Amino acid sequence: MGGTLAMGTQAEMGHTCRGTINLATAHIDVEDSCTFVLSDSGRTYHLKASSEVERQRWVTALELAKSKAIRMMNNQSDDSGDEEPTSQSDKSELHATLRTLANKLDDLSQCNDLIAKHGAALQRSLSELESLRLPAESGEKIKAVNERATLFRITSNAMINACRDFLDLAETHSRKWQRALQYEREQRTRLEETIEQLAKQHNSLERACRGAPTLPSSSTEVSSTSKARARHIKGETSDEDEETEYFDAMENAPEFITVTTDPSRHRRTGSNISGTSSDQTETWNLDDHAFDCQHQASFSAESRGVKSNRKRRTQIPDKPNYSLNLWSIMKNCIGKELSKIPMPVNFNEPLSMLQRLTEDLEYHELLDKAARCDSPAEQMCYVAAFSVSSYSTTTHRTAKPFNPLLGETFELDRLEESGFRSLCEQVSHHPPAAAHHVYSKHGWTLWQEITIASKFRGKYLSIMPLGTIHLQFNCGGNHYVWRKVTSTVHNIIVGKLWIDQSGEIEIINSKTKDKCQLKFSPYSYFSRECARKVTGMVTDSESKASYVLSGTWDEKMEFAKVVESSQDGTSCEGKQKTVYQTLPPKVLWRKYPLPDNAENMYYFSELALTLNEMESGTAPTDSRLRPDQRLMENGEWEEANVEKQRLEEKQRAVRRSREAAVATAAEEGREHEPYQPVWFEKKEDPTTGEEMYVYKGGYWECKETQDWKTCPDIF
């Protein structure tokens, strides 16, 4: 059970860090026979002991330590005013301030004495005037003046008393104020030193990791050595919010447990087997359909376009080593929409968002294999693997792609090599939205509209893709719909950037009502699970499980056929879990290795290296023709920044002109047609009922005739 429980002076308890909690204000609760919860000011730790006896020993010790911490805090609070300032300079400054206040008070006292002396003389004079025989009207005026003089004397005495009370209060509390000021100064100094130390540690850890040998990873287990190293690195780089829950000794599977069984023992369908998969039980073969290690290389070679005579490029110019003060740029961007912030190309990679969207097709062969599946449940497994594979290229890709200009397009014509054609267009600028359409001669069509919502929170950057992905197969008519999960870029300010994916994907077959629930587990410092883990379950319309999916979004995915299921309540929390007996798992998808020298080429995959390669005959709005992006790829970053500003200003001028035309039309009482994309149009989707941009045709025909008169001038 990890972590350190702090019980020290009040100043020490203020220095909270990861693994430290203030016992004086902590709450200790017991969940069950093994687990207890320790919480304080939004920070929660779930701790688990090996037995009920050990748990009780920990709770008792914590309660005693909490009582001691409360007593220490109260004692320090009582006599904190008597403590001396921590430094001689602070003491001198405090005494000088008190002397100044005392001198001012002496001046006020002297003024008060003079006021009292002159006031008494004034009252004697007024009394003498009253004794004289004067007209009644004069006597009345003298009496009124006498009363006012008395009120003035009383007010001046009250002012002097208030000043004396203020000085007494300042003397009483000055030490506490000085102590609080000194504590804040120490906190600031300690924070600066910690940030500098973290930066140095990250640099040394990064160099050590680069020099260490790479260990093979598995979807079901991770070696203790590599896991300890990963935890140490992430522990150094993590920068969580205050309201964070930490779990110690998490359960192996929060939702279900799988048990691998012998295929020979399950030749017949059991009573709990999903009806979708029951007819496939006897044909489950470890060499059938799936990616196996034995023929992974041969499949990769066949599916990655070896048949084409064209030789694609395999490298781009190395990334220049430009230094940049990130905080000086980002500190004014907190809470703003990332797409509205003018960012230099130093934060970019030489690809546009349209090209990054096209990278979803890196493992298009999964859909080719899915089109050949007779079983909808097995087809769903390949679709699920395809949805996970789109994140494999983001492991090291922390740079930001170029924001497309309105009307910008990107085509990827791989009809001869891989059997598909892809077209993207930026259909909206605010909010930024891109439409994508892919046709494959292998029997499937994919289309999507994606809007990227992103927020910079100071510690991390959240990227939320909004929109729906549609996939339809010609044979069988199965239509699948799903959405993407949230991506988070950590350590924006200090440390090495790293990306995590978290959330759930629900893939629905609108024809058969089959579902696949995929869970992307966020990174947890205390979890015993492997990092970047993805688990899932394929169920039919009656919620019967047919396949179990497992793996990681950066390495591989496996699927196993369910032959039997039962309920089990043996968890430490006493919660019931479903236990699935499955046949041995098979590899659905495995990530391709990165090219040589990838770390100096923005960690691009083999497909990404070819996306910005010049093609003949593309539309004049194609991303390959974007000048700032081309300059950046060639290493001319200063020129790229100038060109980027020019293009953005040109786009703003067009937008202002369009807004002026709309205002003029409104004044004249006529309608003004809003901006319409060139190759896509908005329609209501019959499956989901939502409006989205879909391909209306004509692009590839215009490419054949080279008729691009409908394309706007954006570059």
Foldseek 3Di string as FASTA:
>chain_A
DDADEDADAPLVQVPDDPRYHQLLAWDWADQFQFWIWIDDDQEIEIDGDPGSVVVVVVVVVSVVSNVVSNVNHVVCVVCVLVDDFDDPVLNVVLVVVLVVLVVVLVVLVVVLVVLVVVLVVLLVVLVVVLPDDDDPVVNVVSVVVNVVSVVVNVVSVVVSVVSVVVSVVCSRCVSVVSVVVVSVVVVVVVVVVLQVVLQVVQVVLVVVVVPDDDDDDDQQADDPVVLVSVLVNCSSFFDDDSNDYAYAPDDSDPFFAEAADALVVFCAFDPQAAPLCRVCSNVDDQPPLAQDPVCNVVVCCQQQFPVDPDDFDQDFDFADPDDDQLCVQCVVQAFHWPLPRDDACVQAALAAPQLLVVLLCVPVVLQLSLLVDPRPLVSVVSVVQSLLQSCQLVFLQRGHHHYAFAQFKAKDDCCPRNFKIKIKGFHDVVQTKMKIWMDGPSFKIKIKIWGWTWGDHPFKIKIAIDIKIWMFGRVPGWIKIKGAFMKMWGRSNGHDTGIATFDWIWIAGLPFRKIKIKGQDTDHSNDNRDHQKIWMFIATNVRRTFKIKIGHSNFFIKIWGFRRKDWDQPDSSRDIHIYTHTHDIHTHDGDDDADPPCVRNSVDRSSRSRRLPDDPLAAPSYSVNQVLSVCSSNVNRVVSRVSVVVLVVVSVVVVVVQVVVCVVCVVVVHHDDDDGHDFWDWDQDPRPRHIDIDGPDDRVVCSVVVDRPVRDPRD
